[in-house]
């Protein structure tokens, strides 16, 4: 069954000791009502997808959108959590659109991920068989096809947002546009 989630972009700062400083999500009413620590809540209600951190700028690098001492992360969570987080931490948390989420996912969080997942053991055995002039089995031929799930060379379906969204069966709840009169 598809899960309807909302992207939450979070500014993560640094404590004086150099550790990451996250908003105290335990203060949110939805977390208090759940009786859980926010980190467990996030793991359960985002189905363990967890944080998508900006891999292009950490706390120690400065970029045009992230000064030193700051990093961004995105979570996909239930709507009520996102609304409460944005209301309680308006300078740190923001709800983003699916298009913004896709851009962050592809260009920041997963930009350095491998395009393919390679199983060298499988590929070595295929190479050896080919060098010996032996025919490959149907499964060995499939292992060379990235869009097939047979171990060998497999397309990394967590690299791009569109593949990840399909793989995890996510529906992004759209922000309601405010119409001013």
C-alpha atoms as a PDB file:
ATOM      1  CA  UNK A   1       0.000   0.000   0.000  1.00  0.00           C
ATOM      2  CA  UNK A   2       1.306   3.457  -0.886  1.00  0.00           C
ATOM      3  CA  UNK A   3       2.333   5.788   1.923  1.00  0.00           C
ATOM      4  CA  UNK A   4       1.449   9.457   1.747  1.00  0.00           C
ATOM      5  CA  UNK A   5       4.322  11.472   3.199  1.00  0.00           C
ATOM      6  CA  UNK A   6       5.465  15.079   3.253  1.00  0.00           C
ATOM      7  CA  UNK A   7       9.059  16.265   2.706  1.00  0.00           C
ATOM      8  CA  UNK A   8      10.531  18.231   5.626  1.00  0.00           C
ATOM      9  CA  UNK A   9      13.783  20.124   5.037  1.00  0.00           C
ATOM     10  CA  UNK A  10      15.760  20.644   8.260  1.00  0.00           C
ATOM     11  CA  UNK A  11      18.691  22.969   8.906  1.00  0.00           C
ATOM     12  CA  UNK A  12      21.141  21.040  11.095  1.00  0.00           C
ATOM     13  CA  UNK A  13      23.549  23.213  13.062  1.00  0.00           C
ATOM     14  CA  UNK A  14      26.597  22.392  15.186  1.00  0.00           C
ATOM     15  CA  UNK A  15      26.933  22.349  18.959  1.00  0.00           C
ATOM     16  CA  UNK A  16      30.076  24.008  20.405  1.00  0.00           C
ATOM     17  CA  UNK A  17      31.569  20.509  20.875  1.00  0.00           C
ATOM     18  CA  UNK A  18      31.257  19.833  17.127  1.00  0.00           C
ATOM     19  CA  UNK A  19      28.309  17.415  17.312  1.00  0.00           C
ATOM     20  CA  UNK A  20      25.228  17.953  15.170  1.00  0.00           C
ATOM     21  CA  UNK A  21      22.428  20.007  16.719  1.00  0.00           C
ATOM     22  CA  UNK A  22      18.998  18.840  15.616  1.00  0.00           C
ATOM     23  CA  UNK A  23      15.725  20.522  16.560  1.00  0.00           C
ATOM     24  CA  UNK A  24      14.208  19.003  19.716  1.00  0.00           C
ATOM     25  CA  UNK A  25      11.398  17.187  17.958  1.00  0.00           C
ATOM     26  CA  UNK A  26      10.478  15.574  21.290  1.00  0.00           C
ATOM     27  CA  UNK A  27       8.667  18.867  22.037  1.00  0.00           C
ATOM     28  CA  UNK A  28       6.142  18.233  19.246  1.00  0.00           C
ATOM     29  CA  UNK A  29       2.679  17.194  20.436  1.00  0.00           C
ATOM     30  CA  UNK A  30       2.562  14.308  17.969  1.00  0.00           C
ATOM     31  CA  UNK A  31       5.738  12.915  19.559  1.00  0.00           C
ATOM     32  CA  UNK A  32       4.486  13.462  23.106  1.00  0.00           C
ATOM     33  CA  UNK A  33       1.242  11.671  22.195  1.00  0.00           C
ATOM     34  CA  UNK A  34       3.185   8.758  20.681  1.00  0.00           C
ATOM     35  CA  UNK A  35       5.220   8.180  23.844  1.00  0.00           C
ATOM     36  CA  UNK A  36       8.320   7.622  21.696  1.00  0.00           C
ATOM     37  CA  UNK A  37      11.583   9.443  21.223  1.00  0.00           C
ATOM     38  CA  UNK A  38      11.460  11.413  17.973  1.00  0.00           C
ATOM     39  CA  UNK A  39      14.237   9.326  16.407  1.00  0.00           C
ATOM     40  CA  UNK A  40      12.199   6.127  16.867  1.00  0.00           C
ATOM     41  CA  UNK A  41       9.045   7.845  15.629  1.00  0.00           C
ATOM     42  CA  UNK A  42      10.837   8.921  12.466  1.00  0.00           C
ATOM     43  CA  UNK A  43      12.144   5.402  11.861  1.00  0.00           C
ATOM     44  CA  UNK A  44       8.684   3.895  12.268  1.00  0.00           C
ATOM     45  CA  UNK A  45       6.555   6.473  10.460  1.00  0.00           C
ATOM     46  CA  UNK A  46       8.901   7.042   7.549  1.00  0.00           C
ATOM     47  CA  UNK A  47       9.248   3.247   7.292  1.00  0.00           C
ATOM     48  CA  UNK A  48      12.936   3.467   8.123  1.00  0.00           C
ATOM     49  CA  UNK A  49      13.840   5.681   5.165  1.00  0.00           C
ATOM     50  CA  UNK A  50      15.494   8.086   7.570  1.00  0.00           C
ATOM     51  CA  UNK A  51      17.526  11.141   6.762  1.00  0.00           C
ATOM     52  CA  UNK A  52      18.663  12.233   3.332  1.00  0.00           C
ATOM     53  CA  UNK A  53      21.648  14.469   4.097  1.00  0.00           C
ATOM     54  CA  UNK A  54      23.229  17.007   1.774  1.00  0.00           C
ATOM     55  CA  UNK A  55      26.409  15.237   0.621  1.00  0.00           C
ATOM     56  CA  UNK A  56      27.675  18.275  -1.313  1.00  0.00           C
ATOM     57  CA  UNK A  57      28.220  20.423   1.763  1.00  0.00           C
ATOM     58  CA  UNK A  58      28.727  19.172   5.267  1.00  0.00           C
ATOM     59  CA  UNK A  59      29.212  21.247   8.374  1.00  0.00           C
ATOM     60  CA  UNK A  60      32.819  22.099   7.508  1.00  0.00           C
ATOM     61  CA  UNK A  61      32.371  23.272   3.905  1.00  0.00           C
ATOM     62  CA  UNK A  62      30.825  26.506   2.742  1.00  0.00           C
ATOM     63  CA  UNK A  63      28.650  26.587  -0.336  1.00  0.00           C
ATOM     64  CA  UNK A  64      26.244  29.130  -1.778  1.00  0.00           C
ATOM     65  CA  UNK A  65      23.334  27.580   0.108  1.00  0.00           C
ATOM     66  CA  UNK A  66      25.036  26.319   3.279  1.00  0.00           C
ATOM     67  CA  UNK A  67      27.544  28.248   5.408  1.00  0.00           C
ATOM     68  CA  UNK A  68      30.163  26.555   7.594  1.00  0.00           C
ATOM     69  CA  UNK A  69      28.547  25.014  10.674  1.00  0.00           C
ATOM     70  CA  UNK A  70      25.313  24.140   8.908  1.00  0.00           C
ATOM     71  CA  UNK A  71      24.032  21.222   6.852  1.00  0.00           C
ATOM     72  CA  UNK A  72      20.620  20.361   5.449  1.00  0.00           C
ATOM     73  CA  UNK A  73      18.744  17.101   5.673  1.00  0.00           C
ATOM     74  CA  UNK A  74      15.362  15.997   4.366  1.00  0.00           C
ATOM     75  CA  UNK A  75      12.924  13.598   5.992  1.00  0.00           C
ATOM     76  CA  UNK A  76       9.707  12.159   4.563  1.00  0.00           C
ATOM     77  CA  UNK A  77       7.099  12.106   7.322  1.00  0.00           C
ATOM     78  CA  UNK A  78       3.381  12.206   8.072  1.00  0.00           C
ATOM     79  CA  UNK A  79       1.714  15.553   7.416  1.00  0.00           C
ATOM     80  CA  UNK A  80       0.911  16.329  11.077  1.00  0.00           C
ATOM     81  CA  UNK A  81       4.545  15.894  12.154  1.00  0.00           C
ATOM     82  CA  UNK A  82       5.689  18.266   9.392  1.00  0.00           C
ATOM     83  CA  UNK A  83       3.057  20.892  10.243  1.00  0.00           C
ATOM     84  CA  UNK A  84       3.994  20.822  13.940  1.00  0.00           C
ATOM     85  CA  UNK A  85       7.745  20.931  13.194  1.00  0.00           C
ATOM     86  CA  UNK A  86       7.395  23.905  10.854  1.00  0.00           C
ATOM     87  CA  UNK A  87       5.181  25.736  13.389  1.00  0.00           C
ATOM     88  CA  UNK A  88       7.555  25.085  16.310  1.00  0.00           C
ATOM     89  CA  UNK A  89      10.850  25.571  14.429  1.00  0.00           C
ATOM     90  CA  UNK A  90      10.044  27.998  11.578  1.00  0.00           C
ATOM     91  CA  UNK A  91      13.661  29.117  11.098  1.00  0.00           C
ATOM     92  CA  UNK A  92      14.980  25.560  11.016  1.00  0.00           C
ATOM     93  CA  UNK A  93      12.255  23.430   9.397  1.00  0.00           C
ATOM     94  CA  UNK A  94      10.349  23.943   6.186  1.00  0.00           C
ATOM     95  CA  UNK A  95       7.909  21.883   4.186  1.00  0.00           C
ATOM     96  CA  UNK A  96       9.120  21.534   0.616  1.00  0.00           C
ATOM     97  CA  UNK A  97       7.363  20.530  -2.582  1.00  0.00           C
ATOM     98  CA  UNK A  98       7.948  17.249  -4.336  1.00  0.00           C
ATOM     99  CA  UNK A  99       9.917  19.064  -7.032  1.00  0.00           C
ATOM    100  CA  UNK A 100      12.185  20.627  -4.376  1.00  0.00           C
ATOM    101  CA  UNK A 101      12.512  17.224  -2.705  1.00  0.00           C
ATOM    102  CA  UNK A 102      13.470  15.578  -5.994  1.00  0.00           C
ATOM    103  CA  UNK A 103      16.079  18.254  -6.701  1.00  0.00           C
ATOM    104  CA  UNK A 104      17.567  17.912  -3.191  1.00  0.00           C
ATOM    105  CA  UNK A 105      17.521  14.096  -3.421  1.00  0.00           C
ATOM    106  CA  UNK A 106      19.158  13.927  -6.867  1.00  0.00           C
ATOM    107  CA  UNK A 107      21.558  16.888  -6.684  1.00  0.00           C
ATOM    108  CA  UNK A 108      22.503  16.933  -2.993  1.00  0.00           C
ATOM    109  CA  UNK A 109      21.683  13.814  -0.989  1.00  0.00           C
ATOM    110  CA  UNK A 110      22.397  11.067  -3.522  1.00  0.00           C
ATOM    111  CA  UNK A 111      24.538  12.822  -6.115  1.00  0.00           C
ATOM    112  CA  UNK A 112      27.600  10.781  -5.083  1.00  0.00           C
ATOM    113  CA  UNK A 113      25.818   7.403  -4.994  1.00  0.00           C
ATOM    114  CA  UNK A 114      26.908   4.792  -7.523  1.00  0.00           C
ATOM    115  CA  UNK A 115      24.735   4.398 -10.622  1.00  0.00           C
ATOM    116  CA  UNK A 116      24.947   0.630 -10.354  1.00  0.00           C
ATOM    117  CA  UNK A 117      25.443  -1.998  -7.673  1.00  0.00           C
ATOM    118  CA  UNK A 118      28.215  -4.320  -8.798  1.00  0.00           C
ATOM    119  CA  UNK A 119      28.721  -7.880  -7.541  1.00  0.00           C
ATOM    120  CA  UNK A 120      32.341  -8.579  -8.484  1.00  0.00           C
ATOM    121  CA  UNK A 121      32.143 -12.261  -7.504  1.00  0.00           C
ATOM    122  CA  UNK A 122      29.333 -12.895  -9.972  1.00  0.00           C
ATOM    123  CA  UNK A 123      31.037 -10.868 -12.707  1.00  0.00           C
ATOM    124  CA  UNK A 124      34.372 -12.668 -12.234  1.00  0.00           C
ATOM    125  CA  UNK A 125      32.695 -16.052 -12.681  1.00  0.00           C
ATOM    126  CA  UNK A 126      30.932 -14.803 -15.827  1.00  0.00           C
ATOM    127  CA  UNK A 127      34.210 -13.408 -17.191  1.00  0.00           C
ATOM    128  CA  UNK A 128      36.001 -16.689 -16.526  1.00  0.00           C
ATOM    129  CA  UNK A 129      33.265 -18.653 -18.259  1.00  0.00           C
ATOM    130  CA  UNK A 130      33.434 -16.318 -21.281  1.00  0.00           C
ATOM    131  CA  UNK A 131      37.259 -16.592 -21.421  1.00  0.00           C
ATOM    132  CA  UNK A 132      36.913 -20.364 -21.482  1.00  0.00           C
ATOM    133  CA  UNK A 133      34.535 -20.038 -24.427  1.00  0.00           C
ATOM    134  CA  UNK A 134      31.590 -21.457 -22.503  1.00  0.00           C
ATOM    135  CA  UNK A 135      28.029 -20.305 -23.043  1.00  0.00           C
ATOM    136  CA  UNK A 136      26.385 -18.199 -20.389  1.00  0.00           C
ATOM    137  CA  UNK A 137      23.198 -19.371 -18.730  1.00  0.00           C
ATOM    138  CA  UNK A 138      20.019 -17.322 -18.865  1.00  0.00           C
ATOM    139  CA  UNK A 139      20.690 -16.169 -15.283  1.00  0.00           C
ATOM    140  CA  UNK A 140      24.266 -15.130 -16.118  1.00  0.00           C
ATOM    141  CA  UNK A 141      23.056 -13.107 -19.120  1.00  0.00           C
ATOM    142  CA  UNK A 142      20.454 -11.470 -16.864  1.00  0.00           C
ATOM    143  CA  UNK A 143      23.235 -10.581 -14.386  1.00  0.00           C
ATOM    144  CA  UNK A 144      24.753  -8.358 -17.084  1.00  0.00           C
ATOM    145  CA  UNK A 145      21.496  -6.434 -17.572  1.00  0.00           C
ATOM    146  CA  UNK A 146      21.317  -3.469 -15.119  1.00  0.00           C
ATOM    147  CA  UNK A 147      17.509  -3.294 -15.243  1.00  0.00           C
ATOM    148  CA  UNK A 148      17.238  -6.928 -14.145  1.00  0.00           C
ATOM    149  CA  UNK A 149      17.366  -7.674 -10.403  1.00  0.00           C
ATOM    150  CA  UNK A 150      19.704 -10.654 -10.836  1.00  0.00           C
ATOM    151  CA  UNK A 151      22.954 -10.021  -8.902  1.00  0.00           C
ATOM    152  CA  UNK A 152      25.801  -8.906 -11.146  1.00  0.00           C
ATOM    153  CA  UNK A 153      25.232  -5.384 -12.440  1.00  0.00           C
ATOM    154  CA  UNK A 154      22.052  -3.865 -11.008  1.00  0.00           C
ATOM    155  CA  UNK A 155      20.769  -0.340 -11.487  1.00  0.00           C
ATOM    156  CA  UNK A 156      20.888   1.501  -8.149  1.00  0.00           C
ATOM    157  CA  UNK A 157      17.222   2.334  -7.653  1.00  0.00           C
ATOM    158  CA  UNK A 158      18.043   4.582  -4.696  1.00  0.00           C
ATOM    159  CA  UNK A 159      20.211   6.952  -6.776  1.00  0.00           C
ATOM    160  CA  UNK A 160      17.409   8.972  -8.400  1.00  0.00           C
ATOM    161  CA  UNK A 161      14.229  10.216  -6.747  1.00  0.00           C
ATOM    162  CA  UNK A 162      11.886   8.836  -9.386  1.00  0.00           C
ATOM    163  CA  UNK A 163      13.250   5.305  -8.962  1.00  0.00           C
ATOM    164  CA  UNK A 164      13.387   5.581  -5.151  1.00  0.00           C
ATOM    165  CA  UNK A 165       9.810   6.853  -5.007  1.00  0.00           C
ATOM    166  CA  UNK A 166       8.585   3.919  -7.097  1.00  0.00           C
ATOM    167  CA  UNK A 167      10.685   1.396  -5.177  1.00  0.00           C
ATOM    168  CA  UNK A 168       9.414   2.576  -1.783  1.00  0.00           C
ATOM    169  CA  UNK A 169       5.823   3.174  -2.932  1.00  0.00           C
ATOM    170  CA  UNK A 170       5.690   6.780  -1.716  1.00  0.00           C
ATOM    171  CA  UNK A 171       3.067   9.363  -2.572  1.00  0.00           C
ATOM    172  CA  UNK A 172       4.038  12.932  -1.737  1.00  0.00           C
ATOM    173  CA  UNK A 173       1.208  14.923  -0.257  1.00  0.00           C
ATOM    174  CA  UNK A 174       1.114  18.197  -2.147  1.00  0.00           C
ATOM    175  CA  UNK A 175       1.324  21.505  -0.338  1.00  0.00           C
ATOM    176  CA  UNK A 176      -1.894  23.420  -0.553  1.00  0.00           C
ATOM    177  CA  UNK A 177      -1.430  26.699  -2.371  1.00  0.00           C
ATOM    178  CA  UNK A 178      -2.657  29.763  -0.522  1.00  0.00           C
ATOM    179  CA  UNK A 179      -4.720  31.970  -2.782  1.00  0.00           C
ATOM    180  CA  UNK A 180      -4.745  35.609  -1.801  1.00  0.00           C
ATOM    181  CA  UNK A 181      -7.700  37.785  -2.746  1.00  0.00           C
END
